[in-house]
Amino acid sequence: MIAREQKPKNEYGSEKLIKWIGSTRSLIFHTIFFLIMIILAFSDIGFDKVMLVLTTIVSLEAIYLSIFIQMTVNKHSQELEDVSEDIEEIQEDVDEIQKDVDEIQEDVDEIQEDVEDITEEAEEKSEDLQNPIFAKIENNLAELMKEIAELKNKGGSN
């Protein structure tokens, strides 16, 4: 949107006039004006003269109102165009972010696979390391059982 300093003075004035025309003050002003014109039409001035002036004023006002309406439509069209461009830029950014997210997800999936592989390898190595230890413990237990049996035999024979 254009800042106040950048707008030409004529646009700034026309915006104020457009706001005033669409206000309650404008409605009251026009109502009083038309009442005055109707009163003048039935006075000494003459109905034809007053109606000629009133018709001219109303015609000129209609022309200006249509111009103001078109200016407002043009302004809103430009604003909608600007918003549309912003939406397109945002959509492009969202698409780019989505691509980045997809790439990150692929990286996370690869890391997850690597972690699973490393975990499997660690479990295998752990099992390999534990088997000789268990075998050694079993041998030691077997030897201890033999020695206990021998001690019982020696103790029982005495």
N, C-alpha and C. Protein backbone atom coordinates (compact mmCIF):
# COMPACT_ATOMS: atom_id res chain seq x y z
N MET A 1 0.84 -1.17 0.00
CA MET A 1 0.00 0.00 0.00
C MET A 1 0.89 1.24 0.00
N ILE A 2 0.47 2.28 -0.68
CA ILE A 2 1.25 3.51 -0.81
C ILE A 2 1.11 4.33 0.46
N ALA A 3 2.22 4.85 0.95
CA ALA A 3 2.19 5.68 2.15
C ALA A 3 1.62 7.05 1.81
N ARG A 4 1.17 7.77 2.84
CA ARG A 4 0.55 9.08 2.62
C ARG A 4 1.48 10.05 1.90
N GLU A 5 2.76 10.02 2.28
CA GLU A 5 3.72 10.97 1.70
C GLU A 5 3.88 10.75 0.19
N GLN A 6 3.68 9.51 -0.26
CA GLN A 6 3.93 9.19 -1.66
C GLN A 6 2.72 9.47 -2.55
N LYS A 7 1.54 9.65 -1.97
CA LYS A 7 0.34 9.88 -2.77
C LYS A 7 0.32 11.32 -3.25
N PRO A 8 -0.08 11.51 -4.49
CA PRO A 8 -0.27 12.88 -4.95
C PRO A 8 -1.39 13.55 -4.16
N LYS A 9 -1.30 14.87 -4.01
CA LYS A 9 -2.28 15.60 -3.21
C LYS A 9 -3.69 15.45 -3.76
N ASN A 10 -3.83 15.38 -5.09
CA ASN A 10 -5.18 15.25 -5.66
C ASN A 10 -5.81 13.91 -5.28
N GLU A 11 -5.02 12.84 -5.18
CA GLU A 11 -5.55 11.55 -4.75
C GLU A 11 -5.94 11.60 -3.28
N TYR A 12 -5.13 12.27 -2.51
CA TYR A 12 -5.41 12.38 -1.08
C TYR A 12 -6.72 13.13 -0.86
N GLY A 13 -6.91 14.22 -1.61
CA GLY A 13 -8.15 15.00 -1.50
C GLY A 13 -9.35 14.23 -2.01
N SER A 14 -9.18 13.49 -3.11
CA SER A 14 -10.31 12.73 -3.65
C SER A 14 -10.71 11.60 -2.70
N GLU A 15 -9.74 11.00 -2.01
CA GLU A 15 -10.07 9.97 -1.03
C GLU A 15 -10.91 10.53 0.11
N LYS A 16 -10.53 11.74 0.57
CA LYS A 16 -11.31 12.38 1.63
C LYS A 16 -12.72 12.68 1.14
N LEU A 17 -12.85 13.15 -0.10
CA LEU A 17 -14.16 13.48 -0.66
C LEU A 17 -15.01 12.22 -0.82
N ILE A 18 -14.40 11.12 -1.26
CA ILE A 18 -15.12 9.86 -1.41
C ILE A 18 -15.63 9.39 -0.05
N LYS A 19 -14.80 9.50 0.97
CA LYS A 19 -15.24 9.11 2.32
C LYS A 19 -16.40 9.99 2.78
N TRP A 20 -16.32 11.28 2.49
CA TRP A 20 -17.38 12.19 2.93
C TRP A 20 -18.69 11.89 2.19
N ILE A 21 -18.62 11.61 0.90
CA ILE A 21 -19.83 11.34 0.12
C ILE A 21 -20.56 10.12 0.66
N GLY A 22 -19.83 9.15 1.15
CA GLY A 22 -20.46 7.94 1.69
C GLY A 22 -20.78 8.04 3.17
N SER A 23 -20.83 9.26 3.71
CA SER A 23 -21.05 9.41 5.15
C SER A 23 -22.48 9.89 5.45
N THR A 24 -22.81 9.84 6.73
CA THR A 24 -24.11 10.34 7.20
C THR A 24 -24.19 11.85 7.01
N ARG A 25 -23.10 12.55 7.18
CA ARG A 25 -23.10 14.02 6.98
C ARG A 25 -23.52 14.37 5.56
N SER A 26 -23.01 13.59 4.59
CA SER A 26 -23.37 13.84 3.20
C SER A 26 -24.86 13.62 2.98
N LEU A 27 -25.41 12.58 3.58
CA LEU A 27 -26.84 12.30 3.46
C LEU A 27 -27.66 13.45 4.04
N ILE A 28 -27.27 13.91 5.20
CA ILE A 28 -27.98 15.04 5.83
C ILE A 28 -27.85 16.29 4.97
N PHE A 29 -26.65 16.59 4.48
CA PHE A 29 -26.43 17.77 3.63
C PHE A 29 -27.31 17.72 2.39
N HIS A 30 -27.33 16.57 1.70
CA HIS A 30 -28.12 16.46 0.47
C HIS A 30 -29.62 16.56 0.76
N THR A 31 -30.05 15.99 1.86
CA THR A 31 -31.46 16.07 2.23
C THR A 31 -31.86 17.53 2.46
N ILE A 32 -31.06 18.26 3.23
CA ILE A 32 -31.34 19.68 3.49
C ILE A 32 -31.28 20.48 2.19
N PHE A 33 -30.28 20.19 1.35
CA PHE A 33 -30.15 20.90 0.07
C PHE A 33 -31.38 20.70 -0.81
N PHE A 34 -31.85 19.44 -0.93
CA PHE A 34 -33.03 19.18 -1.77
C PHE A 34 -34.29 19.81 -1.17
N LEU A 35 -34.39 19.83 0.15
CA LEU A 35 -35.55 20.50 0.78
C LEU A 35 -35.54 22.00 0.48
N ILE A 36 -34.35 22.59 0.57
CA ILE A 36 -34.23 24.03 0.25
C ILE A 36 -34.60 24.28 -1.20
N MET A 37 -34.14 23.42 -2.10
CA MET A 37 -34.45 23.61 -3.53
C MET A 37 -35.96 23.47 -3.79
N ILE A 38 -36.60 22.54 -3.09
CA ILE A 38 -38.06 22.37 -3.27
C ILE A 38 -38.79 23.60 -2.73
N ILE A 39 -38.34 24.10 -1.59
CA ILE A 39 -38.96 25.31 -1.03
C ILE A 39 -38.76 26.48 -1.98
N LEU A 40 -37.55 26.61 -2.54
CA LEU A 40 -37.27 27.70 -3.50
C LEU A 40 -38.12 27.55 -4.76
N ALA A 41 -38.39 26.31 -5.15
CA ALA A 41 -39.18 26.08 -6.38
C ALA A 41 -40.59 26.64 -6.23
N PHE A 42 -41.10 26.62 -5.02
CA PHE A 42 -42.47 27.13 -4.80
C PHE A 42 -42.46 28.58 -4.30
N SER A 43 -41.31 29.23 -4.36
CA SER A 43 -41.23 30.64 -3.94
C SER A 43 -41.33 31.54 -5.17
N ASP A 44 -40.93 32.79 -4.96
CA ASP A 44 -41.00 33.80 -6.02
C ASP A 44 -39.98 33.57 -7.13
N ILE A 45 -38.95 32.79 -6.89
CA ILE A 45 -37.87 32.61 -7.88
C ILE A 45 -38.41 31.93 -9.12
N GLY A 46 -39.28 31.02 -8.96
CA GLY A 46 -39.86 30.34 -10.12
C GLY A 46 -39.46 28.88 -10.17
N PHE A 47 -40.43 28.06 -10.42
CA PHE A 47 -40.25 26.61 -10.43
C PHE A 47 -39.29 26.18 -11.52
N ASP A 48 -39.44 26.72 -12.73
CA ASP A 48 -38.60 26.31 -13.86
C ASP A 48 -37.13 26.63 -13.63
N LYS A 49 -36.83 27.81 -13.12
CA LYS A 49 -35.43 28.21 -12.88
C LYS A 49 -34.79 27.31 -11.81
N VAL A 50 -35.52 27.08 -10.72
CA VAL A 50 -34.98 26.27 -9.64
C VAL A 50 -34.75 24.84 -10.12
N MET A 51 -35.71 24.28 -10.85
CA MET A 51 -35.58 22.91 -11.35
C MET A 51 -34.45 22.80 -12.37
N LEU A 52 -34.22 23.82 -13.16
CA LEU A 52 -33.12 23.82 -14.12
C LEU A 52 -31.78 23.78 -13.37
N VAL A 53 -31.64 24.62 -12.35
CA VAL A 53 -30.42 24.64 -11.54
C VAL A 53 -30.26 23.30 -10.81
N LEU A 54 -31.35 22.81 -10.20
CA LEU A 54 -31.30 21.55 -9.47
C LEU A 54 -30.93 20.39 -10.39
N THR A 55 -31.53 20.34 -11.56
CA THR A 55 -31.24 19.27 -12.52
C THR A 55 -29.78 19.33 -12.96
N THR A 56 -29.27 20.52 -13.21
CA THR A 56 -27.88 20.68 -13.60
C THR A 56 -26.94 20.21 -12.48
N ILE A 57 -27.25 20.63 -11.27
CA ILE A 57 -26.40 20.24 -10.12
C ILE A 57 -26.44 18.73 -9.93
N VAL A 58 -27.64 18.15 -9.99
CA VAL A 58 -27.77 16.71 -9.79
C VAL A 58 -27.05 15.94 -10.90
N SER A 59 -27.13 16.42 -12.13
CA SER A 59 -26.43 15.76 -13.24
C SER A 59 -24.92 15.81 -13.05
N LEU A 60 -24.42 16.98 -12.70
CA LEU A 60 -22.97 17.10 -12.46
C LEU A 60 -22.55 16.21 -11.28
N GLU A 61 -23.36 16.19 -10.24
CA GLU A 61 -23.04 15.35 -9.09
C GLU A 61 -23.03 13.87 -9.49
N ALA A 62 -23.95 13.45 -10.34
CA ALA A 62 -23.99 12.05 -10.79
C ALA A 62 -22.74 11.71 -11.59
N ILE A 63 -22.29 12.65 -12.42
CA ILE A 63 -21.06 12.43 -13.19
C ILE A 63 -19.87 12.25 -12.24
N TYR A 64 -19.75 13.15 -11.28
CA TYR A 64 -18.65 13.06 -10.34
C TYR A 64 -18.74 11.81 -9.46
N LEU A 65 -19.95 11.45 -9.06
CA LEU A 65 -20.11 10.23 -8.26
C LEU A 65 -19.67 9.00 -9.04
N SER A 66 -20.01 8.95 -10.32
CA SER A 66 -19.59 7.79 -11.13
C SER A 66 -18.07 7.76 -11.27
N ILE A 67 -17.46 8.94 -11.39
CA ILE A 67 -15.99 9.01 -11.45
C ILE A 67 -15.38 8.51 -10.14
N PHE A 68 -15.95 8.97 -9.00
CA PHE A 68 -15.44 8.54 -7.70
C PHE A 68 -15.62 7.04 -7.50
N ILE A 69 -16.75 6.53 -7.95
CA ILE A 69 -17.00 5.09 -7.84
C ILE A 69 -15.96 4.33 -8.65
N GLN A 70 -15.69 4.79 -9.86
CA GLN A 70 -14.70 4.12 -10.71
C GLN A 70 -13.30 4.20 -10.09
N MET A 71 -12.99 5.36 -9.49
CA MET A 71 -11.68 5.50 -8.82
C MET A 71 -11.56 4.48 -7.68
N THR A 72 -12.64 4.31 -6.92
CA THR A 72 -12.63 3.36 -5.82
C THR A 72 -12.48 1.94 -6.34
N VAL A 73 -13.20 1.63 -7.42
CA VAL A 73 -13.09 0.29 -8.02
C VAL A 73 -11.66 0.04 -8.50
N ASN A 74 -11.07 1.03 -9.16
CA ASN A 74 -9.70 0.90 -9.64
C ASN A 74 -8.72 0.69 -8.48
N LYS A 75 -8.92 1.46 -7.41
CA LYS A 75 -8.04 1.34 -6.24
C LYS A 75 -8.14 -0.06 -5.64
N HIS A 76 -9.38 -0.55 -5.49
CA HIS A 76 -9.57 -1.88 -4.92
C HIS A 76 -9.04 -2.97 -5.86
N SER A 77 -9.17 -2.76 -7.15
CA SER A 77 -8.63 -3.73 -8.10
C SER A 77 -7.12 -3.82 -7.98
N GLN A 78 -6.47 -2.67 -7.84
CA GLN A 78 -5.01 -2.65 -7.68
C GLN A 78 -4.61 -3.33 -6.38
N GLU A 79 -5.36 -3.06 -5.31
CA GLU A 79 -5.05 -3.70 -4.03
C GLU A 79 -5.22 -5.21 -4.13
N LEU A 80 -6.27 -5.66 -4.82
CA LEU A 80 -6.48 -7.10 -5.00
C LEU A 80 -5.36 -7.72 -5.83
N GLU A 81 -4.90 -6.98 -6.84
CA GLU A 81 -3.78 -7.46 -7.65
C GLU A 81 -2.52 -7.62 -6.79
N ASP A 82 -2.28 -6.62 -5.93
CA ASP A 82 -1.12 -6.67 -5.04
C ASP A 82 -1.22 -7.87 -4.09
N VAL A 83 -2.41 -8.07 -3.55
CA VAL A 83 -2.62 -9.20 -2.64
C VAL A 83 -2.43 -10.51 -3.38
N SER A 84 -2.91 -10.58 -4.61
CA SER A 84 -2.76 -11.79 -5.41
C SER A 84 -1.28 -12.09 -5.66
N GLU A 85 -0.51 -11.07 -5.96
CA GLU A 85 0.93 -11.25 -6.16
C GLU A 85 1.59 -11.74 -4.87
N ASP A 86 1.18 -11.15 -3.73
CA ASP A 86 1.73 -11.58 -2.45
C ASP A 86 1.40 -13.04 -2.18
N ILE A 87 0.17 -13.44 -2.51
CA ILE A 87 -0.24 -14.83 -2.30
C ILE A 87 0.59 -15.76 -3.17
N GLU A 88 0.84 -15.36 -4.41
CA GLU A 88 1.67 -16.19 -5.30
C GLU A 88 3.08 -16.34 -4.74
N GLU A 89 3.65 -15.24 -4.23
CA GLU A 89 4.98 -15.31 -3.64
C GLU A 89 4.99 -16.21 -2.41
N ILE A 90 3.96 -16.10 -1.59
CA ILE A 90 3.86 -16.94 -0.39
C ILE A 90 3.74 -18.40 -0.80
N GLN A 91 2.94 -18.67 -1.84
CA GLN A 91 2.77 -20.05 -2.30
C GLN A 91 4.10 -20.62 -2.80
N GLU A 92 4.88 -19.81 -3.51
CA GLU A 92 6.19 -20.24 -3.97
C GLU A 92 7.10 -20.56 -2.77
N ASP A 93 7.04 -19.70 -1.74
CA ASP A 93 7.83 -19.94 -0.54
C ASP A 93 7.40 -21.22 0.15
N VAL A 94 6.08 -21.44 0.22
CA VAL A 94 5.56 -22.66 0.85
C VAL A 94 6.02 -23.89 0.07
N ASP A 95 5.98 -23.81 -1.25
CA ASP A 95 6.44 -24.94 -2.07
C ASP A 95 7.92 -25.22 -1.82
N GLU A 96 8.71 -24.17 -1.73
CA GLU A 96 10.14 -24.32 -1.47
C GLU A 96 10.38 -24.93 -0.09
N ILE A 97 9.62 -24.47 0.89
CA ILE A 97 9.74 -25.01 2.24
C ILE A 97 9.33 -26.48 2.24
N GLN A 98 8.29 -26.82 1.49
CA GLN A 98 7.84 -28.22 1.42
C GLN A 98 8.94 -29.10 0.82
N LYS A 99 9.62 -28.59 -0.21
CA LYS A 99 10.73 -29.35 -0.79
C LYS A 99 11.82 -29.57 0.26
N ASP A 100 12.13 -28.51 1.02
CA ASP A 100 13.14 -28.63 2.06
C ASP A 100 12.72 -29.65 3.12
N VAL A 101 11.45 -29.60 3.50
CA VAL A 101 10.95 -30.55 4.50
C VAL A 101 11.05 -31.98 3.97
N ASP A 102 10.70 -32.16 2.70
CA ASP A 102 10.80 -33.50 2.10
C ASP A 102 12.24 -33.99 2.11
N GLU A 103 13.18 -33.10 1.77
CA GLU A 103 14.59 -33.48 1.79
C GLU A 103 15.04 -33.82 3.21
N ILE A 104 14.61 -33.04 4.18
CA ILE A 104 14.96 -33.31 5.57
C ILE A 104 14.37 -34.65 6.00
N GLN A 105 13.14 -34.94 5.58
CA GLN A 105 12.51 -36.21 5.92
C GLN A 105 13.31 -37.38 5.33
N GLU A 106 13.78 -37.21 4.10
CA GLU A 106 14.61 -38.25 3.48
C GLU A 106 15.88 -38.45 4.29
N ASP A 107 16.50 -37.35 4.72
CA ASP A 107 17.71 -37.44 5.54
C ASP A 107 17.42 -38.15 6.87
N VAL A 108 16.29 -37.81 7.47
CA VAL A 108 15.92 -38.45 8.74
C VAL A 108 15.71 -39.95 8.53
N ASP A 109 15.04 -40.31 7.42
CA ASP A 109 14.83 -41.74 7.12
C ASP A 109 16.17 -42.46 6.95
N GLU A 110 17.10 -41.83 6.24
CA GLU A 110 18.42 -42.43 6.06
C GLU A 110 19.14 -42.58 7.39
N ILE A 111 19.05 -41.57 8.22
CA ILE A 111 19.69 -41.63 9.54
C ILE A 111 19.06 -42.74 10.37
N GLN A 112 17.74 -42.85 10.28
CA GLN A 112 17.04 -43.92 11.02
C GLN A 112 17.53 -45.29 10.57
N GLU A 113 17.67 -45.47 9.26
CA GLU A 113 18.19 -46.74 8.74
C GLU A 113 19.61 -47.00 9.25
N ASP A 114 20.44 -45.95 9.24
CA ASP A 114 21.81 -46.10 9.74
C ASP A 114 21.81 -46.48 11.22
N VAL A 115 20.95 -45.86 12.00
CA VAL A 115 20.86 -46.17 13.43
C VAL A 115 20.44 -47.63 13.62
N GLU A 116 19.47 -48.08 12.83
CA GLU A 116 19.03 -49.48 12.93
C GLU A 116 20.16 -50.44 12.57
N ASP A 117 20.90 -50.09 11.49
CA ASP A 117 22.05 -50.94 11.10
C ASP A 117 23.09 -50.98 12.21
N ILE A 118 23.41 -49.84 12.76
CA ILE A 118 24.42 -49.77 13.82
C ILE A 118 23.94 -50.55 15.04
N THR A 119 22.65 -50.43 15.37
CA THR A 119 22.10 -51.18 16.51
C THR A 119 22.20 -52.67 16.29
N GLU A 120 21.87 -53.13 15.09
CA GLU A 120 21.98 -54.56 14.77
C GLU A 120 23.42 -55.03 14.89
N GLU A 121 24.35 -54.23 14.32
CA GLU A 121 25.76 -54.60 14.39
C GLU A 121 26.24 -54.66 15.84
N ALA A 122 25.80 -53.70 16.65
CA ALA A 122 26.21 -53.67 18.05
C ALA A 122 25.66 -54.89 18.79
N GLU A 123 24.42 -55.26 18.49
CA GLU A 123 23.84 -56.45 19.14
C GLU A 123 24.59 -57.71 18.72
N GLU A 124 24.93 -57.81 17.44
CA GLU A 124 25.68 -58.97 16.97
C GLU A 124 27.04 -59.04 17.66
N LYS A 125 27.73 -57.92 17.73
CA LYS A 125 29.04 -57.89 18.39
C LYS A 125 28.90 -58.22 19.87
N SER A 126 27.82 -57.72 20.47
CA SER A 126 27.60 -57.99 21.88
C SER A 126 27.38 -59.48 22.10
N GLU A 127 26.59 -60.10 21.20
CA GLU A 127 26.37 -61.54 21.31
C GLU A 127 27.68 -62.30 21.11
N ASP A 128 28.48 -61.86 20.10
CA ASP A 128 29.76 -62.52 19.86
C ASP A 128 30.67 -62.40 21.07
N LEU A 129 30.65 -61.25 21.73
CA LEU A 129 31.50 -61.05 22.90
C LEU A 129 30.97 -61.85 24.09
N GLN A 130 29.68 -61.98 24.21
CA GLN A 130 29.10 -62.68 25.35
C GLN A 130 29.25 -64.19 25.23
N ASN A 131 29.25 -64.77 24.06
CA ASN A 131 29.35 -66.23 23.90
C ASN A 131 30.63 -66.78 24.51
N PRO A 132 31.81 -66.23 24.21
CA PRO A 132 33.02 -66.78 24.85
C PRO A 132 33.00 -66.60 26.36
N ILE A 133 32.44 -65.51 26.82
CA ILE A 133 32.39 -65.28 28.26
C ILE A 133 31.50 -66.33 28.91
N PHE A 134 30.32 -66.58 28.31
CA PHE A 134 29.42 -67.60 28.85
C PHE A 134 30.09 -68.98 28.82
N ALA A 135 30.80 -69.27 27.75
CA ALA A 135 31.48 -70.58 27.65
C ALA A 135 32.53 -70.70 28.76
N LYS A 136 33.27 -69.63 29.00
CA LYS A 136 34.29 -69.64 30.03
C LYS A 136 33.66 -69.84 31.41
N ILE A 137 32.54 -69.13 31.64
CA ILE A 137 31.84 -69.26 32.93
C ILE A 137 31.33 -70.68 33.11
N GLU A 138 30.77 -71.23 32.04
CA GLU A 138 30.27 -72.61 32.12
C GLU A 138 31.40 -73.58 32.44
N ASN A 139 32.56 -73.40 31.80
CA ASN A 139 33.73 -74.26 32.08
C ASN A 139 34.17 -74.13 33.53
N ASN A 140 34.23 -72.87 33.99
CA ASN A 140 34.64 -72.64 35.38
C ASN A 140 33.67 -73.28 36.35
N LEU A 141 32.36 -73.16 36.06
CA LEU A 141 31.35 -73.78 36.92
C LEU A 141 31.48 -75.31 36.91
N ALA A 142 31.72 -75.86 35.73
CA ALA A 142 31.88 -77.32 35.63
C ALA A 142 33.09 -77.79 36.45
N GLU A 143 34.19 -77.06 36.38
CA GLU A 143 35.38 -77.41 37.16
C GLU A 143 35.10 -77.31 38.65
N LEU A 144 34.39 -76.25 39.04
CA LEU A 144 34.06 -76.08 40.45
C LEU A 144 33.17 -77.22 40.94
N MET A 145 32.22 -77.63 40.11
CA MET A 145 31.33 -78.75 40.48
C MET A 145 32.14 -80.03 40.67
N LYS A 146 33.14 -80.24 39.78
CA LYS A 146 34.00 -81.44 39.91
C LYS A 146 34.77 -81.39 41.23
N GLU A 147 35.33 -80.24 41.49
CA GLU A 147 36.13 -80.10 42.71
C GLU A 147 35.26 -80.30 43.95
N ILE A 148 34.02 -79.76 43.91
CA ILE A 148 33.11 -79.94 45.04
C ILE A 148 32.79 -81.43 45.21
N ALA A 149 32.55 -82.12 44.13
CA ALA A 149 32.25 -83.55 44.18
C ALA A 149 33.43 -84.32 44.75
N GLU A 150 34.65 -83.97 44.32
CA GLU A 150 35.84 -84.65 44.82
C GLU A 150 36.01 -84.39 46.32
N LEU A 151 35.73 -83.12 46.71
CA LEU A 151 35.87 -82.80 48.12
C LEU A 151 34.85 -83.60 48.96
N LYS A 152 33.66 -83.77 48.43
CA LYS A 152 32.64 -84.54 49.14
C LYS A 152 33.08 -86.00 49.28
N ASN A 153 33.65 -86.53 48.18
CA ASN A 153 34.12 -87.92 48.21
C ASN A 153 35.25 -88.09 49.22
N LYS A 154 36.15 -87.14 49.24
CA LYS A 154 37.27 -87.21 50.18
C LYS A 154 36.75 -87.02 51.60
N GLY A 155 35.84 -86.17 51.79
CA GLY A 155 35.29 -85.89 53.12
C GLY A 155 34.46 -87.05 53.61
N GLY A 156 33.78 -87.75 52.74
CA GLY A 156 32.94 -88.87 53.11
C GLY A 156 33.77 -90.13 53.39
N SER A 157 34.94 -90.25 52.81
CA SER A 157 35.77 -91.44 52.98
C SER A 157 36.60 -91.32 54.26
N ASN A 158 36.77 -90.23 54.83
CA ASN A 158 37.55 -90.07 56.06
C ASN A 158 36.78 -90.41 57.23
